[in-house]
């Protein structure tokens, strides 16, 4: 009789251990599903915004709105003042390192800037100085890159067309790479 009682206790212990193990596993899965759901509904917190400039330059304020308008403060410290002839923003570059769509050759053209923000003359930025530009960002198919959902991601590049003052050195180069969240305009 003692043996059967011990056998029942052993079987009960196995059942309790089994239910406890699976209960904990199910609880962990439910917690993981809840976390995944919460993170999915808050994706804007998962995407880190960034502006990574080339040497000699720095990013000031930067943001992109749902209409594809980028506002960016371009700071420079190349040792001399520069005259900016144009700024461009696009999601891709061509084989020459220029914007693939839209702002080809970074022309100082009203077509590439919101009408009220198009530069009218060359803009001088002193070494250590900054100027804020407002430009359209272009995506594939030569169209402005827009978003219907604030918080979604924009990944692209900014180019700058400039001349170093008092020299004949002219340059069109990639200023920075961007990773931004669209904001409501």
N, C-alpha and C. Protein backbone atom coordinates (compact mmCIF):
# COMPACT_ATOMS: atom_id res chain seq x y z
N UNK A 1 0.82 -1.18 0.00
CA UNK A 1 0.00 0.00 0.00
C UNK A 1 0.87 1.26 0.00
N UNK A 2 1.93 1.18 0.68
CA UNK A 2 2.83 2.31 0.72
C UNK A 2 3.39 2.60 -0.69
N UNK A 3 3.63 1.52 -1.45
CA UNK A 3 4.18 1.69 -2.79
C UNK A 3 3.18 2.39 -3.71
N UNK A 4 1.92 2.01 -3.70
CA UNK A 4 0.95 2.63 -4.59
C UNK A 4 0.72 4.09 -4.22
N UNK A 5 0.76 4.38 -2.95
CA UNK A 5 0.61 5.77 -2.52
C UNK A 5 1.77 6.61 -3.06
N UNK A 6 2.97 6.06 -2.99
CA UNK A 6 4.15 6.74 -3.50
C UNK A 6 4.07 6.88 -5.02
N UNK A 7 3.50 5.89 -5.70
CA UNK A 7 3.33 5.96 -7.15
C UNK A 7 2.33 7.03 -7.53
N UNK A 8 1.24 7.16 -6.74
CA UNK A 8 0.25 8.22 -7.01
C UNK A 8 0.89 9.59 -6.81
N UNK A 9 1.66 9.74 -5.76
CA UNK A 9 2.32 11.03 -5.50
C UNK A 9 3.29 11.36 -6.64
N UNK A 10 3.98 10.35 -7.12
CA UNK A 10 4.93 10.56 -8.22
C UNK A 10 4.19 11.00 -9.48
N UNK A 11 3.06 10.31 -9.78
CA UNK A 11 2.27 10.69 -10.96
C UNK A 11 1.69 12.09 -10.80
N UNK A 12 1.19 12.41 -9.61
CA UNK A 12 0.66 13.76 -9.37
C UNK A 12 1.76 14.81 -9.51
N UNK A 13 2.94 14.49 -9.03
CA UNK A 13 4.06 15.43 -9.14
C UNK A 13 4.43 15.65 -10.61
N UNK A 14 4.41 14.57 -11.41
CA UNK A 14 4.70 14.69 -12.84
C UNK A 14 3.66 15.57 -13.52
N UNK A 15 2.38 15.37 -13.18
CA UNK A 15 1.30 16.18 -13.76
C UNK A 15 1.46 17.64 -13.36
N UNK A 16 1.74 17.90 -12.10
CA UNK A 16 1.93 19.28 -11.63
C UNK A 16 3.13 19.91 -12.34
N UNK A 17 4.23 19.19 -12.45
CA UNK A 17 5.41 19.71 -13.15
C UNK A 17 5.10 20.00 -14.62
N UNK A 18 4.37 19.09 -15.25
CA UNK A 18 3.98 19.26 -16.66
C UNK A 18 3.14 20.52 -16.83
N UNK A 19 2.09 20.65 -16.00
CA UNK A 19 1.20 21.82 -16.11
C UNK A 19 1.94 23.12 -15.78
N UNK A 20 2.82 23.08 -14.82
CA UNK A 20 3.60 24.27 -14.45
C UNK A 20 4.52 24.68 -15.60
N UNK A 21 5.22 23.71 -16.18
CA UNK A 21 6.14 24.01 -17.29
C UNK A 21 5.39 24.61 -18.48
N UNK A 22 4.30 23.96 -18.88
CA UNK A 22 3.54 24.48 -20.02
C UNK A 22 2.83 25.78 -19.67
N UNK A 23 2.39 25.93 -18.45
CA UNK A 23 1.75 27.17 -18.03
C UNK A 23 2.71 28.35 -18.12
N UNK A 24 3.95 28.13 -17.67
CA UNK A 24 4.96 29.18 -17.75
C UNK A 24 5.30 29.48 -19.21
N UNK A 25 5.42 28.44 -20.04
CA UNK A 25 5.73 28.64 -21.46
C UNK A 25 4.61 29.44 -22.14
N UNK A 26 3.37 29.11 -21.84
CA UNK A 26 2.23 29.83 -22.43
C UNK A 26 2.22 31.28 -21.94
N UNK A 27 2.49 31.50 -20.67
CA UNK A 27 2.54 32.86 -20.13
C UNK A 27 3.64 33.68 -20.81
N UNK A 28 4.80 33.08 -21.03
CA UNK A 28 5.90 33.78 -21.71
C UNK A 28 5.49 34.12 -23.15
N UNK A 29 4.83 33.18 -23.83
CA UNK A 29 4.39 33.46 -25.20
C UNK A 29 3.36 34.60 -25.22
N UNK A 30 2.44 34.63 -24.28
CA UNK A 30 1.45 35.70 -24.23
C UNK A 30 2.11 37.06 -23.97
N UNK A 31 3.10 37.07 -23.11
CA UNK A 31 3.83 38.31 -22.84
C UNK A 31 4.57 38.76 -24.09
N UNK A 32 5.21 37.83 -24.79
CA UNK A 32 5.94 38.17 -26.02
C UNK A 32 4.99 38.72 -27.08
N UNK A 33 3.82 38.11 -27.23
CA UNK A 33 2.83 38.60 -28.19
C UNK A 33 2.36 40.00 -27.81
N UNK A 34 2.14 40.24 -26.53
CA UNK A 34 1.70 41.56 -26.07
C UNK A 34 2.78 42.61 -26.34
N UNK A 35 4.03 42.25 -26.11
CA UNK A 35 5.13 43.20 -26.37
C UNK A 35 5.23 43.47 -27.86
N UNK A 36 5.15 42.43 -28.69
CA UNK A 36 5.23 42.63 -30.14
C UNK A 36 4.09 43.51 -30.62
N UNK A 37 2.90 43.32 -30.10
CA UNK A 37 1.77 44.15 -30.48
C UNK A 37 2.00 45.60 -30.08
N UNK A 38 2.49 45.80 -28.86
CA UNK A 38 2.75 47.15 -28.37
C UNK A 38 3.82 47.83 -29.22
N UNK A 39 4.89 47.13 -29.57
CA UNK A 39 5.95 47.71 -30.38
C UNK A 39 5.47 48.00 -31.79
N UNK A 40 4.63 47.15 -32.33
CA UNK A 40 4.11 47.36 -33.68
C UNK A 40 3.23 48.60 -33.72
N UNK A 41 2.52 48.88 -32.67
CA UNK A 41 1.65 50.06 -32.65
C UNK A 41 2.44 51.32 -32.32
N UNK A 42 3.69 51.18 -31.96
CA UNK A 42 4.52 52.34 -31.62
C UNK A 42 5.81 52.30 -32.42
N UNK A 43 5.73 52.06 -33.73
CA UNK A 43 6.93 51.90 -34.55
C UNK A 43 7.78 53.16 -34.59
N UNK A 44 7.17 54.32 -34.36
CA UNK A 44 7.97 55.54 -34.40
C UNK A 44 9.04 55.55 -33.32
N UNK A 45 8.85 54.76 -32.26
CA UNK A 45 9.86 54.70 -31.22
C UNK A 45 10.98 53.73 -31.57
N UNK A 46 10.78 52.91 -32.58
CA UNK A 46 11.79 51.93 -32.97
C UNK A 46 12.78 52.50 -33.97
N UNK A 47 12.39 53.50 -34.74
CA UNK A 47 13.22 54.03 -35.81
C UNK A 47 14.04 55.20 -35.28
N UNK A 48 15.32 55.08 -35.31
CA UNK A 48 16.20 56.13 -34.82
C UNK A 48 16.50 57.12 -35.94
N UNK A 49 16.23 58.41 -35.70
CA UNK A 49 16.53 59.41 -36.71
C UNK A 49 18.03 59.70 -36.69
N UNK A 50 18.57 59.98 -37.89
CA UNK A 50 19.99 60.25 -37.97
C UNK A 50 20.30 61.13 -39.18
N UNK A 51 21.36 61.88 -39.05
CA UNK A 51 21.93 62.65 -40.14
C UNK A 51 23.43 62.46 -40.02
N UNK A 52 24.02 61.77 -40.99
CA UNK A 52 25.43 61.44 -40.92
C UNK A 52 26.17 62.22 -42.01
N UNK A 53 26.81 63.34 -41.64
CA UNK A 53 27.46 64.18 -42.65
C UNK A 53 28.85 63.69 -43.03
N UNK A 54 29.32 64.18 -44.17
CA UNK A 54 30.69 63.92 -44.61
C UNK A 54 31.64 64.83 -43.83
N UNK A 55 32.93 64.49 -43.80
CA UNK A 55 33.89 65.34 -43.08
C UNK A 55 33.85 66.78 -43.57
N UNK A 56 34.00 67.70 -42.64
CA UNK A 56 33.97 69.13 -42.95
C UNK A 56 32.58 69.73 -42.84
N UNK A 57 31.57 68.88 -42.63
CA UNK A 57 30.20 69.34 -42.52
C UNK A 57 29.55 68.77 -41.27
N UNK A 58 28.47 69.40 -40.85
CA UNK A 58 27.69 68.91 -39.71
C UNK A 58 26.22 69.20 -39.98
N UNK A 59 25.37 68.41 -39.35
CA UNK A 59 23.93 68.60 -39.47
C UNK A 59 23.44 69.45 -38.31
N UNK A 60 22.69 70.48 -38.62
CA UNK A 60 21.98 71.21 -37.60
C UNK A 60 20.62 70.57 -37.45
N UNK A 61 19.60 71.38 -37.30
CA UNK A 61 18.23 70.87 -37.23
C UNK A 61 17.87 70.16 -38.53
N UNK A 62 17.12 69.07 -38.46
CA UNK A 62 16.66 68.40 -39.68
C UNK A 62 15.34 67.68 -39.41
N UNK A 63 14.42 67.77 -40.37
CA UNK A 63 13.15 67.05 -40.30
C UNK A 63 12.55 66.98 -41.70
N UNK A 64 11.66 66.01 -41.90
CA UNK A 64 10.96 65.89 -43.17
C UNK A 64 9.47 65.77 -42.85
N UNK A 65 8.65 66.52 -43.61
CA UNK A 65 7.22 66.43 -43.37
C UNK A 65 6.57 65.49 -44.38
N UNK A 66 5.29 65.21 -44.18
CA UNK A 66 4.58 64.24 -45.01
C UNK A 66 4.47 64.65 -46.47
N UNK A 67 4.74 65.92 -46.79
CA UNK A 67 4.72 66.40 -48.17
C UNK A 67 6.08 66.26 -48.85
N UNK A 68 7.05 65.63 -48.17
CA UNK A 68 8.37 65.42 -48.75
C UNK A 68 9.27 66.64 -48.67
N UNK A 69 8.96 67.57 -47.79
CA UNK A 69 9.77 68.79 -47.64
C UNK A 69 10.75 68.59 -46.48
N UNK A 70 12.04 68.64 -46.81
CA UNK A 70 13.11 68.49 -45.84
C UNK A 70 13.57 69.87 -45.39
N UNK A 71 13.66 70.06 -44.09
CA UNK A 71 14.30 71.25 -43.53
C UNK A 71 15.58 70.76 -42.87
N UNK A 72 16.70 71.36 -43.27
CA UNK A 72 17.99 70.92 -42.75
C UNK A 72 18.93 72.10 -42.58
N UNK A 73 19.57 72.16 -41.43
CA UNK A 73 20.60 73.15 -41.18
C UNK A 73 21.94 72.56 -41.58
N UNK A 74 22.58 73.17 -42.56
CA UNK A 74 23.89 72.69 -43.02
C UNK A 74 24.96 73.55 -42.38
N UNK A 75 25.82 72.89 -41.63
CA UNK A 75 26.95 73.56 -41.00
C UNK A 75 28.21 73.12 -41.73
N UNK A 76 29.16 74.04 -41.87
CA UNK A 76 30.40 73.66 -42.53
C UNK A 76 31.58 74.17 -41.75
N UNK A 77 32.67 73.41 -41.81
CA UNK A 77 33.92 73.77 -41.14
C UNK A 77 35.09 73.30 -41.99
N UNK A 78 35.08 73.72 -43.27
CA UNK A 78 36.17 73.28 -44.15
C UNK A 78 37.34 74.26 -44.16
N UNK A 79 37.21 75.34 -43.40
CA UNK A 79 38.33 76.27 -43.26
C UNK A 79 38.17 77.56 -44.03
N UNK A 80 37.22 77.63 -44.97
CA UNK A 80 36.94 78.84 -45.75
C UNK A 80 35.44 78.97 -45.91
N UNK A 81 35.01 80.18 -46.22
CA UNK A 81 33.59 80.37 -46.52
C UNK A 81 33.25 79.66 -47.83
N UNK A 82 32.01 79.20 -47.94
CA UNK A 82 31.57 78.58 -49.19
C UNK A 82 30.34 79.32 -49.70
N UNK A 83 30.19 79.31 -51.02
CA UNK A 83 29.00 79.84 -51.67
C UNK A 83 28.17 78.64 -52.10
N UNK A 84 26.97 78.50 -51.54
CA UNK A 84 26.11 77.36 -51.87
C UNK A 84 25.27 77.71 -53.08
N UNK A 85 25.37 76.90 -54.12
CA UNK A 85 24.62 77.10 -55.35
C UNK A 85 23.34 76.28 -55.37
N UNK A 86 23.28 75.23 -54.56
CA UNK A 86 22.09 74.41 -54.52
C UNK A 86 22.23 73.27 -53.52
N UNK A 87 21.09 72.77 -53.08
CA UNK A 87 21.02 71.64 -52.16
C UNK A 87 19.98 70.69 -52.72
N UNK A 88 20.24 69.39 -52.63
CA UNK A 88 19.32 68.39 -53.16
C UNK A 88 19.09 67.28 -52.14
N UNK A 89 17.93 66.62 -52.27
CA UNK A 89 17.59 65.50 -51.40
C UNK A 89 16.94 64.42 -52.27
N UNK A 90 17.42 63.19 -52.15
CA UNK A 90 16.85 62.08 -52.92
C UNK A 90 17.10 60.77 -52.20
N UNK A 91 16.34 59.75 -52.58
CA UNK A 91 16.49 58.44 -51.96
C UNK A 91 17.60 57.62 -52.58
N UNK A 92 18.04 57.97 -53.81
CA UNK A 92 19.07 57.20 -54.50
C UNK A 92 20.03 58.12 -55.24
N UNK A 93 21.22 57.58 -55.51
CA UNK A 93 22.22 58.30 -56.30
C UNK A 93 22.45 57.55 -57.60
N UNK A 94 22.90 58.29 -58.64
CA UNK A 94 23.26 57.63 -59.90
C UNK A 94 24.71 57.14 -59.81
N UNK A 95 25.24 56.60 -60.87
CA UNK A 95 26.60 56.04 -60.85
C UNK A 95 27.67 57.11 -60.66
N UNK A 96 27.34 58.37 -60.93
CA UNK A 96 28.30 59.47 -60.72
C UNK A 96 28.22 60.04 -59.31
N UNK A 97 27.36 59.46 -58.46
CA UNK A 97 27.21 59.96 -57.10
C UNK A 97 26.29 61.16 -56.99
N UNK A 98 25.59 61.50 -58.07
CA UNK A 98 24.63 62.61 -58.05
C UNK A 98 23.25 62.07 -57.70
N UNK A 99 22.31 62.94 -57.34
CA UNK A 99 20.95 62.47 -57.07
C UNK A 99 20.40 61.73 -58.29
N UNK A 100 19.78 60.59 -58.06
CA UNK A 100 19.25 59.79 -59.16
C UNK A 100 18.03 60.44 -59.80
N UNK A 101 17.18 61.03 -58.99
CA UNK A 101 15.96 61.67 -59.50
C UNK A 101 15.84 63.08 -58.96
N UNK A 102 15.09 63.89 -59.70
CA UNK A 102 14.73 65.22 -59.19
C UNK A 102 15.81 66.25 -59.35
N UNK A 103 16.62 66.39 -58.35
CA UNK A 103 17.55 67.50 -58.28
C UNK A 103 18.88 67.20 -58.97
N UNK A 104 18.83 66.71 -60.21
CA UNK A 104 20.05 66.35 -60.92
C UNK A 104 20.95 67.59 -61.03
N UNK A 105 22.24 67.41 -60.74
CA UNK A 105 23.25 68.48 -60.71
C UNK A 105 22.99 69.53 -59.65
N UNK A 106 22.06 69.29 -58.76
CA UNK A 106 21.77 70.17 -57.63
C UNK A 106 21.57 71.61 -58.08
N UNK A 107 20.77 71.77 -59.11
CA UNK A 107 20.53 73.11 -59.64
C UNK A 107 19.80 73.98 -58.63
N UNK A 108 20.11 75.26 -58.64
CA UNK A 108 19.42 76.22 -57.80
C UNK A 108 18.14 76.61 -58.53
N UNK A 109 17.18 75.69 -58.57
CA UNK A 109 15.96 75.87 -59.35
C UNK A 109 14.74 75.82 -58.44
N UNK A 110 13.78 76.69 -58.72
CA UNK A 110 12.55 76.74 -57.93
C UNK A 110 11.84 75.39 -57.95
N UNK A 111 12.00 74.62 -59.01
CA UNK A 111 11.32 73.33 -59.11
C UNK A 111 11.72 72.38 -57.98
N UNK A 112 12.89 72.56 -57.41
CA UNK A 112 13.39 71.63 -56.40
C UNK A 112 13.24 72.14 -54.98
N UNK A 113 12.70 73.34 -54.82
CA UNK A 113 12.49 73.94 -53.51
C UNK A 113 11.03 74.34 -53.39
N UNK A 114 10.46 74.29 -52.20
CA UNK A 114 9.12 74.88 -52.06
C UNK A 114 9.19 76.33 -52.51
N UNK A 115 8.18 76.80 -53.22
CA UNK A 115 8.21 78.11 -53.88
C UNK A 115 8.66 79.25 -52.97
N UNK A 116 8.21 79.26 -51.73
CA UNK A 116 8.57 80.37 -50.84
C UNK A 116 9.97 80.23 -50.26
N UNK A 117 10.61 79.06 -50.45
CA UNK A 117 11.91 78.83 -49.85
C UNK A 117 13.05 78.69 -50.86
N UNK A 118 12.76 78.95 -52.14
CA UNK A 118 13.81 78.83 -53.15
C UNK A 118 14.84 79.93 -52.95
N UNK A 119 16.13 79.57 -52.86
CA UNK A 119 17.16 80.60 -52.74
C UNK A 119 17.18 81.47 -53.99
N UNK A 120 17.30 82.77 -53.81
CA UNK A 120 17.32 83.67 -54.95
C UNK A 120 18.74 83.98 -55.39
N UNK A 121 19.68 83.94 -54.50
CA UNK A 121 21.09 84.20 -54.82
C UNK A 121 21.94 83.11 -54.20
N UNK A 122 23.22 83.12 -54.53
CA UNK A 122 24.13 82.20 -53.86
C UNK A 122 24.12 82.53 -52.37
N UNK A 123 24.26 81.52 -51.56
CA UNK A 123 24.22 81.69 -50.11
C UNK A 123 25.60 81.43 -49.56
N UNK A 124 26.11 82.35 -48.78
CA UNK A 124 27.43 82.21 -48.19
C UNK A 124 27.30 81.62 -46.78
N UNK A 125 28.11 80.60 -46.52
CA UNK A 125 28.19 80.04 -45.18
C UNK A 125 29.65 80.13 -44.74
N UNK A 126 29.88 80.87 -43.70
CA UNK A 126 31.23 81.02 -43.17
C UNK A 126 31.67 79.71 -42.52
N UNK A 127 32.99 79.49 -42.44
CA UNK A 127 33.48 78.31 -41.75
C UNK A 127 33.04 78.39 -40.30
N UNK A 128 32.39 77.34 -39.82
CA UNK A 128 31.82 77.32 -38.48
C UNK A 128 30.39 77.83 -38.45
N UNK A 129 29.87 78.25 -39.61
CA UNK A 129 28.51 78.78 -39.67
C UNK A 129 27.51 77.75 -40.15
N UNK A 130 26.25 78.17 -40.17
CA UNK A 130 25.16 77.29 -40.58
C UNK A 130 24.11 78.08 -41.35
N UNK A 131 23.43 77.39 -42.27
CA UNK A 131 22.29 77.96 -42.99
C UNK A 131 21.23 76.88 -43.08
N UNK A 132 19.96 77.25 -42.88
CA UNK A 132 18.88 76.27 -42.96
C UNK A 132 18.24 76.30 -44.33
N UNK A 133 18.22 75.13 -44.98
CA UNK A 133 17.64 74.98 -46.31
C UNK A 133 16.33 74.20 -46.21
N UNK A 134 15.45 74.49 -47.15
CA UNK A 134 14.18 73.77 -47.28
C UNK A 134 14.10 73.27 -48.71
N UNK A 135 14.10 71.94 -48.87
CA UNK A 135 14.11 71.33 -50.21
C UNK A 135 13.13 70.16 -50.27
N UNK A 136 12.71 69.82 -51.49
CA UNK A 136 11.92 68.62 -51.70
C UNK A 136 12.85 67.42 -51.75
N UNK A 137 12.40 66.29 -51.21
CA UNK A 137 13.14 65.04 -51.32
C UNK A 137 12.48 64.19 -52.39
N UNK A 138 13.28 63.72 -53.33
CA UNK A 138 12.78 62.94 -54.45
C UNK A 138 13.00 61.46 -54.23
N UNK A 139 12.03 60.67 -54.70
CA UNK A 139 12.12 59.22 -54.63
C UNK A 139 12.26 58.66 -56.02
N UNK A 140 11.89 57.42 -56.19
CA UNK A 140 11.99 56.79 -57.50
C UNK A 140 10.96 57.39 -58.45
N UNK A 141 11.27 57.34 -59.72
CA UNK A 141 10.34 57.85 -60.72
C UNK A 141 10.29 59.36 -60.82
N UNK A 142 11.31 60.06 -60.32
CA UNK A 142 11.39 61.51 -60.42
C UNK A 142 10.19 62.21 -59.77
N UNK A 143 9.71 61.67 -58.66
CA UNK A 143 8.59 62.30 -57.96
C UNK A 143 9.00 62.59 -56.52
N UNK A 144 8.33 63.56 -55.94
CA UNK A 144 8.61 63.94 -54.56
C UNK A 144 8.20 62.79 -53.64
N UNK A 145 9.06 62.45 -52.73
CA UNK A 145 8.84 61.34 -51.79
C UNK A 145 7.95 61.84 -50.65
N UNK A 146 6.72 61.37 -50.63
CA UNK A 146 5.76 61.79 -49.60
C UNK A 146 5.33 60.58 -48.77
N UNK A 147 4.61 60.85 -47.71
CA UNK A 147 4.10 59.77 -46.86
C UNK A 147 2.70 60.13 -46.39
N UNK A 148 1.82 59.14 -46.36
CA UNK A 148 0.48 59.36 -45.84
C UNK A 148 0.40 59.05 -44.36
N UNK A 149 1.50 58.56 -43.79
CA UNK A 149 1.50 58.15 -42.39
C UNK A 149 2.66 58.79 -41.64
N UNK A 150 2.39 59.83 -40.84
CA UNK A 150 3.47 60.39 -40.01
C UNK A 150 4.06 59.29 -39.13
N UNK A 151 5.37 59.33 -38.95
CA UNK A 151 6.06 58.32 -38.18
C UNK A 151 6.70 57.25 -39.04
N UNK A 152 6.31 57.17 -40.33
CA UNK A 152 6.95 56.19 -41.20
C UNK A 152 8.35 56.69 -41.56
N UNK A 153 9.17 55.80 -42.07
CA UNK A 153 10.59 56.10 -42.25
C UNK A 153 10.90 56.68 -43.63
N UNK A 154 11.82 57.64 -43.65
CA UNK A 154 12.44 58.14 -44.88
C UNK A 154 13.93 57.87 -44.76
N UNK A 155 14.51 57.26 -45.79
CA UNK A 155 15.95 57.04 -45.83
C UNK A 155 16.44 57.62 -47.14
N UNK A 156 17.39 58.53 -47.09
CA UNK A 156 17.88 59.16 -48.30
C UNK A 156 19.19 59.89 -48.06
N UNK A 157 19.49 60.81 -49.00
CA UNK A 157 20.76 61.52 -48.99
C UNK A 157 20.54 62.99 -49.31
N UNK A 158 21.48 63.82 -48.88
CA UNK A 158 21.47 65.24 -49.20
C UNK A 158 22.77 65.56 -49.92
N UNK A 159 22.66 66.33 -51.01
CA UNK A 159 23.84 66.79 -51.76
C UNK A 159 23.93 68.29 -51.64
N UNK A 160 25.14 68.79 -51.76
CA UNK A 160 25.36 70.23 -51.72
C UNK A 160 26.25 70.60 -52.92
N UNK A 161 25.87 71.68 -53.59
CA UNK A 161 26.61 72.21 -54.73
C UNK A 161 27.22 73.52 -54.23
N UNK A 162 28.54 73.59 -54.12
CA UNK A 162 29.16 74.78 -53.53
C UNK A 162 30.49 75.12 -54.19
N UNK A 163 30.89 76.36 -53.99
CA UNK A 163 32.19 76.85 -54.43
C UNK A 163 32.88 77.43 -53.20
N UNK A 164 34.15 77.09 -53.03
CA UNK A 164 34.92 77.68 -51.93
C UNK A 164 35.25 79.11 -52.32
N UNK A 165 34.87 80.05 -51.47
CA UNK A 165 35.06 81.47 -51.80
C UNK A 165 36.53 81.78 -52.06
N UNK A 166 36.73 82.72 -52.99
CA UNK A 166 38.06 83.21 -53.39
C UNK A 166 38.91 82.13 -54.04
N UNK A 167 38.27 81.09 -54.55
CA UNK A 167 38.99 80.05 -55.29
C UNK A 167 38.12 79.66 -56.48
N UNK A 168 38.66 78.85 -57.33
CA UNK A 168 37.87 78.29 -58.43
C UNK A 168 37.46 76.85 -58.12
N UNK A 169 37.54 76.48 -56.86
CA UNK A 169 37.21 75.11 -56.48
C UNK A 169 35.70 74.99 -56.33
N UNK A 170 35.12 74.21 -57.24
CA UNK A 170 33.67 73.98 -57.27
C UNK A 170 33.43 72.51 -56.99
N UNK A 171 32.41 72.21 -56.20
CA UNK A 171 32.18 70.83 -55.81
C UNK A 171 30.69 70.55 -55.70
N UNK A 172 30.27 69.40 -56.21
CA UNK A 172 28.94 68.86 -55.94
C UNK A 172 29.20 67.55 -55.25
N UNK A 173 28.81 67.45 -54.00
CA UNK A 173 29.09 66.23 -53.26
C UNK A 173 27.94 65.86 -52.34
N UNK A 174 27.94 64.61 -51.96
CA UNK A 174 26.96 64.17 -50.99
C UNK A 174 27.32 64.80 -49.66
N UNK A 175 26.36 65.50 -49.08
CA UNK A 175 26.57 66.15 -47.78
C UNK A 175 26.37 65.16 -46.65
N UNK A 176 25.28 64.38 -46.72
CA UNK A 176 24.99 63.46 -45.63
C UNK A 176 24.02 62.37 -46.07
N UNK A 177 23.93 61.34 -45.24
CA UNK A 177 22.87 60.36 -45.37
C UNK A 177 21.87 60.63 -44.25
N UNK A 178 20.60 60.32 -44.53
CA UNK A 178 19.53 60.64 -43.58
C UNK A 178 18.70 59.41 -43.26
N UNK A 179 18.25 59.33 -42.06
CA UNK A 179 17.22 58.40 -41.63
C UNK A 179 16.26 59.18 -40.78
N UNK A 180 15.08 59.45 -41.28
CA UNK A 180 14.14 60.33 -40.58
C UNK A 180 12.75 59.71 -40.50
N UNK A 181 11.95 60.24 -39.61
CA UNK A 181 10.54 59.90 -39.53
C UNK A 181 9.77 61.07 -40.12
N UNK A 182 8.78 60.75 -40.94
CA UNK A 182 7.92 61.80 -41.46
C UNK A 182 7.11 62.39 -40.31
N UNK A 183 6.96 63.73 -40.34
CA UNK A 183 6.12 64.39 -39.36
C UNK A 183 4.95 65.04 -40.08
N UNK A 184 3.87 65.29 -39.37
CA UNK A 184 2.71 65.94 -39.97
C UNK A 184 3.08 67.39 -40.29
N UNK A 185 2.59 67.88 -41.43
CA UNK A 185 2.92 69.26 -41.80
C UNK A 185 1.94 70.24 -41.20
